[in-house]
Amino acid sequence: MNLFCVGLSHHTANVETRERFAGHAETDCILRAAGCAEALLLTTCNRVEVYGASEERVSTDEIARCLVRKVDNKTEEYALAFYRYEDTRCVQHLFRVASGLDSMVVGESEILGQAKKAYESARASGAAGPCLHRLFQRAFHVAKQVRTHTDITRGSVSVGSVAVDLAQRIFGQLGNCKVLVLGAGETSERTARALVSRGVTDLRVSNRSSDRAEELARLVGGQAVRFDEWPSQCREIDILITSTSSETPLLTPENLSAMLRNRVDRPLFIIDIAVPRDVDPSVNEMEAVYLYDIDSLQSVAEQSLALRRQQIAAAEAIITEHVAAFGKSISHRLDCNAPPSTEDRALGETPLRTSES
């Protein structure tokens, strides 16, 4: 069985490219169209990756065609941004991803939760079988060991916290800023908590699910805003941070102009950390509106990395050790149906219980 990873990330593609492949394919499409025996789809704001196991080699182009949201004359050009790792290199890559070493914000822990959700979804649908089960169980163990035995998570270690770093650079003290967080998922929650920790007292939360908005507002001492009322908030706020799962932009120059018609003469700063983007890029051309997207956070994240650079070597050493150990069962072909070794059992890598899916 051939084990591989095909994907693109902030290392190889800008946000415009990433959003064209972001999170709308289903693993059953990959299983059918690409001929994989097993497949798992991992999508975040900074990466789209397919982990697969197949008897015959599946081409990168086949995977890209399964992932693309809309076919146009740029699809082949975008597909060039995809990378590919096979067998041991695939194992090493996943271990680095799960441990937060391949993230834009090195050391961030959100990716581990996202990888676990992706694995559970693939397992529940039957798309993840013995190969990916064993691989991902080991990856979760490695990530836990990296977090336990290094200080890689020190400093700003989430996209949300880096977004707040950017806001603080713009405004200095945030205590007098009115902030609206649009979206109430995990990224928005981390962002809201980071805002409160930096002194924000006027924090508003809006989400399509009003219950979730109210819950997040309660957790951070903020104010919930009905989703159909958030546009009117743009007349008052200083900062809008948006992270929703909308497939189309929520803000365009046309609708934002109407929102800002009665606004007091002061700038509006928008930080869009959604992929696909919530805000049309042309909004940045509007007078007194300043837009930053997820790629704008890269330089901020790189500066915070200095705090944790010495921990990366320690984390890489842990990963190298586990790649070598996992490689004993790989060679160039995986015997995925072999029973777990004594070491695997010690790590909790039990056989895949298909009866639960």
Protein backbone atom coordinates (compact mmCIF):
# COMPACT_ATOMS: atom_id res chain seq x y z
CA MET A 1 0.00 0.00 0.00
CA ASN A 2 1.32 3.41 -1.02
CA LEU A 3 0.94 6.13 1.62
CA PHE A 4 0.96 9.74 0.41
CA CYS A 5 0.01 13.34 1.16
CA VAL A 6 -0.97 15.86 -1.52
CA GLY A 7 -1.69 19.42 -0.51
CA LEU A 8 -1.02 23.12 -0.57
CA SER A 9 -0.41 25.54 2.28
CA HIS A 10 0.69 29.07 3.10
CA HIS A 11 4.23 27.90 2.23
CA THR A 12 3.31 27.28 -1.42
CA ALA A 13 0.15 29.24 -2.18
CA ASN A 14 -1.36 32.61 -1.35
CA VAL A 15 -4.84 32.96 0.14
CA GLU A 16 -6.41 33.52 -3.30
CA THR A 17 -5.20 30.08 -4.36
CA ARG A 18 -5.95 28.33 -1.08
CA GLU A 19 -9.55 29.50 -1.01
CA ARG A 20 -10.18 27.86 -4.39
CA PHE A 21 -9.52 24.46 -2.82
CA ALA A 22 -10.73 25.10 0.73
CA GLY A 23 -12.81 22.47 2.38
CA HIS A 24 -15.67 21.73 0.02
CA ALA A 25 -14.65 18.33 -1.34
CA GLU A 26 -15.84 15.12 0.30
CA THR A 27 -13.60 12.16 0.98
CA ASP A 28 -15.95 9.83 -0.91
CA CYS A 29 -15.24 11.89 -4.05
CA ILE A 30 -11.53 11.34 -3.53
CA LEU A 31 -12.08 7.63 -2.93
CA ARG A 32 -14.17 7.26 -6.10
CA ALA A 33 -12.49 9.65 -8.52
CA ALA A 34 -8.90 9.20 -7.48
CA GLY A 35 -9.06 5.50 -6.72
CA CYS A 36 -7.73 5.65 -3.15
CA ALA A 37 -8.30 2.76 -0.79
CA GLU A 38 -8.30 5.23 2.10
CA ALA A 39 -8.49 9.02 2.18
CA LEU A 40 -8.61 11.84 4.72
CA LEU A 41 -9.16 15.54 4.00
CA LEU A 42 -7.56 18.13 6.30
CA THR A 43 -8.52 21.75 5.67
CA THR A 44 -7.67 24.83 7.72
CA CYS A 45 -7.24 28.53 6.96
CA ASN A 46 -3.64 27.83 5.94
CA ARG A 47 -3.72 24.38 4.32
CA VAL A 48 -5.69 21.90 2.25
CA GLU A 49 -4.25 18.39 2.39
CA VAL A 50 -5.32 14.91 1.39
CA TYR A 51 -3.74 11.92 3.11
CA GLY A 52 -4.32 8.71 1.22
CA ALA A 53 -3.41 5.07 0.87
CA SER A 54 -3.68 3.32 -2.49
CA GLU A 55 -2.54 0.18 -4.25
CA GLU A 56 -1.58 2.15 -7.35
CA ARG A 57 -0.07 5.62 -7.53
CA VAL A 58 -2.70 8.37 -7.59
CA SER A 59 -1.56 11.48 -9.45
CA THR A 60 -1.43 14.91 -7.86
CA ASP A 61 -3.61 16.29 -10.67
CA GLU A 62 -6.36 13.78 -9.86
CA ILE A 63 -6.40 14.93 -6.23
CA ALA A 64 -6.39 18.61 -7.24
CA ARG A 65 -9.39 18.07 -9.52
CA CYS A 66 -11.32 16.53 -6.61
CA LEU A 67 -10.55 19.51 -4.39
CA VAL A 68 -11.12 22.50 -6.68
CA ARG A 69 -14.27 24.49 -5.83
CA LYS A 70 -14.75 25.97 -9.29
CA VAL A 71 -13.08 24.86 -12.50
CA ASP A 72 -11.77 27.69 -14.68
CA ASN A 73 -8.81 28.39 -16.93
CA LYS A 74 -6.58 28.99 -13.90
CA THR A 75 -7.10 25.56 -12.35
CA GLU A 76 -3.98 24.02 -13.91
CA GLU A 77 -1.92 27.04 -12.86
CA TYR A 78 -3.20 26.76 -9.28
CA ALA A 79 -2.52 23.01 -9.21
CA LEU A 80 1.19 23.74 -9.59
CA ALA A 81 1.16 24.98 -5.98
CA PHE A 82 0.47 21.45 -4.69
CA TYR A 83 3.21 19.48 -2.97
CA ARG A 84 3.46 15.73 -2.58
CA TYR A 85 5.03 13.52 0.09
CA GLU A 86 5.13 9.73 0.01
CA ASP A 87 5.79 7.00 2.58
CA THR A 88 8.36 8.14 5.19
CA ARG A 89 8.29 11.77 4.04
CA CYS A 90 4.50 11.73 4.34
CA VAL A 91 4.82 10.43 7.91
CA GLN A 92 7.33 13.12 8.81
CA HIS A 93 5.17 15.83 7.26
CA LEU A 94 2.06 14.80 9.19
CA PHE A 95 3.99 14.62 12.46
CA ARG A 96 5.26 18.18 11.87
CA VAL A 97 1.79 19.40 10.93
CA ALA A 98 0.12 17.87 14.00
CA SER A 99 2.85 19.27 16.25
CA GLY A 100 2.38 22.80 14.91
CA LEU A 101 5.82 23.04 13.30
CA ASP A 102 4.47 23.52 9.78
CA SER A 103 1.95 26.20 10.79
CA MET A 104 2.10 29.88 9.94
CA VAL A 105 2.10 30.46 13.70
CA VAL A 106 4.71 27.88 14.72
CA GLY A 107 3.61 26.04 17.84
CA GLU A 108 -0.11 26.78 17.50
CA SER A 109 -2.32 24.08 18.95
CA GLU A 110 -5.48 24.56 16.85
CA ILE A 111 -4.11 22.31 14.11
CA LEU A 112 -4.06 19.29 16.42
CA GLY A 113 -7.77 19.65 17.13
CA GLN A 114 -8.46 20.16 13.44
CA ALA A 115 -6.48 17.03 12.56
CA LYS A 116 -8.41 15.02 15.15
CA LYS A 117 -11.73 16.23 13.73
CA ALA A 118 -10.61 15.36 10.21
CA TYR A 119 -9.58 11.89 11.35
CA GLU A 120 -12.84 11.27 13.21
CA SER A 121 -14.85 12.38 10.18
CA ALA A 122 -12.92 10.08 7.84
CA ARG A 123 -13.13 7.18 10.28
CA ALA A 124 -16.87 7.62 10.80
CA SER A 125 -17.50 7.63 7.04
CA GLY A 126 -15.30 4.58 6.51
CA ALA A 127 -12.82 6.55 4.39
CA ALA A 128 -9.98 6.05 6.90
CA GLY A 129 -8.93 2.44 7.26
CA PRO A 130 -6.03 0.64 8.97
CA CYS A 131 -3.23 2.65 7.30
CA LEU A 132 -4.50 6.10 8.17
CA HIS A 133 -5.74 4.93 11.55
CA ARG A 134 -2.29 3.85 12.61
CA LEU A 135 -0.62 6.90 11.05
CA PHE A 136 -2.88 9.46 12.69
CA GLN A 137 -2.90 7.77 16.09
CA ARG A 138 0.88 7.98 16.11
CA ALA A 139 0.75 11.61 14.92
CA PHE A 140 -1.49 12.56 17.86
CA HIS A 141 0.91 10.88 20.27
CA VAL A 142 3.88 12.72 18.74
CA ALA A 143 2.09 16.08 18.96
CA LYS A 144 1.29 15.51 22.61
CA GLN A 145 4.90 14.61 23.36
CA VAL A 146 6.17 17.73 21.55
CA ARG A 147 3.81 19.96 23.52
CA THR A 148 4.70 18.25 26.81
CA HIS A 149 8.48 18.20 26.46
CA THR A 150 9.15 21.54 24.71
CA ASP A 151 8.11 25.17 25.14
CA ILE A 152 7.03 25.44 21.51
CA THR A 153 3.62 26.85 22.53
CA ARG A 154 5.04 29.96 24.24
CA GLY A 155 4.08 33.38 22.89
CA SER A 156 1.32 34.11 20.34
CA VAL A 157 0.45 30.64 19.15
CA SER A 158 -2.86 30.97 17.32
CA VAL A 159 -4.03 32.82 14.26
CA GLY A 160 -6.44 34.71 16.50
CA SER A 161 -3.77 35.89 18.90
CA VAL A 162 -1.59 37.06 16.00
CA ALA A 163 -4.57 38.97 14.59
CA VAL A 164 -4.88 40.71 17.94
CA ASP A 165 -1.13 41.44 17.88
CA LEU A 166 -1.72 43.21 14.57
CA ALA A 167 -4.64 45.19 16.00
CA GLN A 168 -2.48 46.26 18.93
CA ARG A 169 0.25 47.45 16.57
CA ILE A 170 -2.29 49.61 14.77
CA PHE A 171 -4.07 51.08 17.79
CA GLY A 172 -1.56 50.69 20.61
CA GLN A 173 -3.75 50.20 23.66
CA LEU A 174 -6.98 48.41 22.76
CA GLY A 175 -8.93 49.40 25.87
CA ASN A 176 -10.87 52.15 24.10
CA CYS A 177 -11.54 50.20 20.90
CA LYS A 178 -14.94 48.88 19.89
CA VAL A 179 -14.46 45.47 18.31
CA LEU A 180 -16.85 43.16 16.47
CA VAL A 181 -15.94 39.48 16.04
CA LEU A 182 -17.93 37.95 13.19
CA GLY A 183 -18.14 34.19 13.58
CA ALA A 184 -18.18 32.10 16.74
CA GLY A 185 -16.11 29.02 15.95
CA GLU A 186 -12.89 27.91 17.62
CA THR A 187 -10.75 30.52 15.86
CA SER A 188 -13.18 33.30 16.79
CA GLU A 189 -13.24 32.15 20.40
CA ARG A 190 -9.45 32.25 20.63
CA THR A 191 -9.49 35.68 19.02
CA ALA A 192 -12.11 36.98 21.44
CA ARG A 193 -10.19 35.68 24.44
CA ALA A 194 -6.99 37.31 23.14
CA LEU A 195 -8.84 40.62 22.69
CA VAL A 196 -10.10 40.54 26.27
CA SER A 197 -6.62 39.70 27.56
CA ARG A 198 -5.31 42.85 25.81
CA GLY A 199 -7.85 45.09 27.52
CA VAL A 200 -10.81 45.22 25.12
CA THR A 201 -13.99 45.95 27.09
CA ASP A 202 -16.40 46.72 24.23
CA LEU A 203 -16.49 43.37 22.44
CA ARG A 204 -19.38 42.33 20.23
CA VAL A 205 -19.96 38.84 18.78
CA SER A 206 -22.20 37.90 15.86
CA ASN A 207 -22.83 34.51 14.30
CA ARG A 208 -25.46 32.81 12.13
CA SER A 209 -26.28 30.62 15.12
CA SER A 210 -27.50 33.12 17.73
CA ASP A 211 -27.10 30.53 20.48
CA ARG A 212 -23.41 30.14 19.70
CA ALA A 213 -22.94 33.93 19.56
CA GLU A 214 -24.62 34.32 22.94
CA GLU A 215 -22.52 31.52 24.42
CA LEU A 216 -19.25 33.04 23.21
CA ALA A 217 -20.30 36.52 24.34
CA ARG A 218 -21.04 35.12 27.78
CA LEU A 219 -17.69 33.36 27.96
CA VAL A 220 -15.74 36.55 27.21
CA GLY A 221 -17.99 39.11 28.84
CA GLY A 222 -19.06 40.54 25.49
CA GLN A 223 -22.33 41.44 23.79
CA ALA A 224 -24.11 39.15 21.34
CA VAL A 225 -25.39 40.78 18.13
CA ARG A 226 -28.03 39.21 15.89
CA PHE A 227 -26.55 38.15 12.57
CA ASP A 228 -28.96 40.28 10.59
CA GLU A 229 -27.91 43.30 12.66
CA TRP A 230 -24.11 43.06 12.44
CA PRO A 231 -23.83 45.32 9.33
CA SER A 232 -25.21 48.26 11.33
CA GLN A 233 -22.40 47.74 13.85
CA CYS A 234 -19.89 48.88 11.23
CA ARG A 235 -21.04 52.45 11.81
CA GLU A 236 -19.71 52.31 15.38
CA ILE A 237 -16.83 49.85 15.67
CA ASP A 238 -13.12 50.46 15.20
CA ILE A 239 -12.08 46.90 14.38
CA LEU A 240 -13.89 44.07 12.59
CA ILE A 241 -12.34 40.60 12.87
CA THR A 242 -14.12 38.06 10.73
CA SER A 243 -13.80 34.28 10.60
CA THR A 244 -16.90 32.58 9.22
CA SER A 245 -17.45 29.59 6.96
CA SER A 246 -19.25 31.59 4.27
CA GLU A 247 -18.51 30.45 0.72
CA THR A 248 -19.05 33.95 -0.67
CA PRO A 249 -17.82 37.34 0.60
CA LEU A 250 -19.96 38.93 3.30
CA LEU A 251 -18.43 42.35 2.68
CA THR A 252 -18.06 44.02 -0.70
CA PRO A 253 -17.48 47.68 -1.59
CA GLU A 254 -21.17 47.97 -2.48
CA ASN A 255 -22.67 46.77 0.79
CA LEU A 256 -19.92 48.25 2.96
CA SER A 257 -20.52 51.69 1.46
CA ALA A 258 -24.09 51.53 2.66
CA MET A 259 -22.98 50.38 6.11
CA LEU A 260 -20.53 53.27 6.45
CA ARG A 261 -22.81 56.00 5.12
CA ASN A 262 -23.55 57.47 8.56
CA ARG A 263 -20.26 56.56 10.15
CA VAL A 264 -18.30 59.14 12.11
CA ASP A 265 -15.19 60.22 10.16
CA ARG A 266 -12.65 57.69 11.42
CA PRO A 267 -10.98 54.62 9.86
CA LEU A 268 -12.33 51.08 9.98
CA PHE A 269 -9.78 48.28 10.31
CA ILE A 270 -10.82 44.84 9.09
CA ILE A 271 -8.86 41.66 9.79
CA ASP A 272 -10.21 38.78 7.69
CA ILE A 273 -8.88 35.44 8.88
CA ALA A 274 -11.39 33.30 6.98
CA VAL A 275 -10.55 31.01 4.05
CA PRO A 276 -12.43 31.40 1.74
CA ARG A 277 -12.24 35.11 2.55
CA ASP A 278 -15.22 36.87 4.08
CA VAL A 279 -14.21 40.24 2.63
CA ASP A 280 -13.77 41.11 -1.04
CA PRO A 281 -10.14 42.28 -1.51
CA SER A 282 -11.31 45.41 -3.35
CA VAL A 283 -12.69 46.70 -0.03
CA ASN A 284 -9.12 47.74 0.72
CA GLU A 285 -9.39 50.38 -2.01
CA MET A 286 -12.14 52.22 -0.14
CA GLU A 287 -11.29 55.45 1.62
CA ALA A 288 -10.64 55.10 5.37
CA VAL A 289 -10.97 51.30 5.23
CA TYR A 290 -7.89 49.15 5.91
CA LEU A 291 -8.13 45.43 5.16
CA TYR A 292 -5.73 42.70 6.29
CA ASP A 293 -6.20 39.06 5.29
CA ILE A 294 -4.71 35.86 6.69
CA ASP A 295 -1.53 36.27 4.63
CA SER A 296 -0.99 39.73 6.15
CA LEU A 297 -0.41 38.04 9.50
CA GLN A 298 2.67 36.18 8.25
CA SER A 299 5.22 38.86 9.21
CA VAL A 300 3.62 39.31 12.64
CA ALA A 301 3.79 35.55 13.21
CA GLU A 302 7.44 35.37 12.14
CA GLN A 303 8.42 37.96 14.73
CA SER A 304 6.71 36.08 17.54
CA LEU A 305 8.54 32.94 16.37
CA ALA A 306 11.81 34.28 17.81
CA LEU A 307 10.51 33.47 21.28
CA ARG A 308 10.24 29.79 20.43
CA ARG A 309 12.99 29.21 17.86
CA GLN A 310 15.26 27.28 20.21
CA GLN A 311 12.39 24.88 20.94
CA ILE A 312 11.99 23.89 17.31
CA ALA A 313 15.17 21.77 17.31
CA ALA A 314 13.92 19.86 20.36
CA ALA A 315 10.56 19.26 18.68
CA GLU A 316 12.21 18.14 15.43
CA ALA A 317 14.33 15.63 17.37
CA ILE A 318 11.19 14.08 18.88
CA ILE A 319 9.58 13.85 15.45
CA THR A 320 12.69 12.28 13.86
CA GLU A 321 12.72 9.60 16.55
CA HIS A 322 9.08 8.72 15.92
CA VAL A 323 9.45 8.76 12.14
CA ALA A 324 12.24 6.20 12.44
CA ALA A 325 10.16 4.03 14.75
CA PHE A 326 7.10 4.25 12.53
CA GLY A 327 9.29 3.51 9.50
CA LYS A 328 9.89 -0.01 10.79
CA SER A 329 6.39 -0.87 9.61
CA ILE A 330 6.64 1.06 6.37
CA SER A 331 9.67 0.30 4.23
CA HIS A 332 8.30 1.42 0.84
CA ARG A 333 5.01 -0.39 1.27
CA LEU A 334 2.83 -0.47 4.36
CA ASP A 335 1.41 -3.69 5.75
CA CYS A 336 -1.62 -1.86 7.13
CA ASN A 337 -3.47 -5.01 8.16
CA ALA A 338 -0.64 -6.36 10.30
CA PRO A 339 -1.39 -6.37 14.04
CA PRO A 340 0.09 -3.48 16.05
CA SER A 341 3.55 -4.03 17.47
CA THR A 342 4.26 -4.05 21.20
CA GLU A 343 5.41 -0.42 20.85
CA ASP A 344 2.23 0.52 19.00
CA ARG A 345 0.10 -0.93 21.78
CA ALA A 346 2.14 0.99 24.34
CA LEU A 347 1.30 4.19 22.44
CA GLY A 348 -2.36 3.36 22.33
CA GLU A 349 -2.37 2.53 18.61
CA THR A 350 -5.09 -0.09 18.77
CA PRO A 351 -6.52 -1.76 15.67
CA LEU A 352 -9.20 0.22 13.84
CA ARG A 353 -12.62 -0.75 15.21
CA THR A 354 -14.70 -0.63 12.07
CA SER A 355 -17.84 -1.66 13.95
CA GLU A 356 -17.96 1.80 15.51
CA SER A 357 -18.10 3.66 12.20
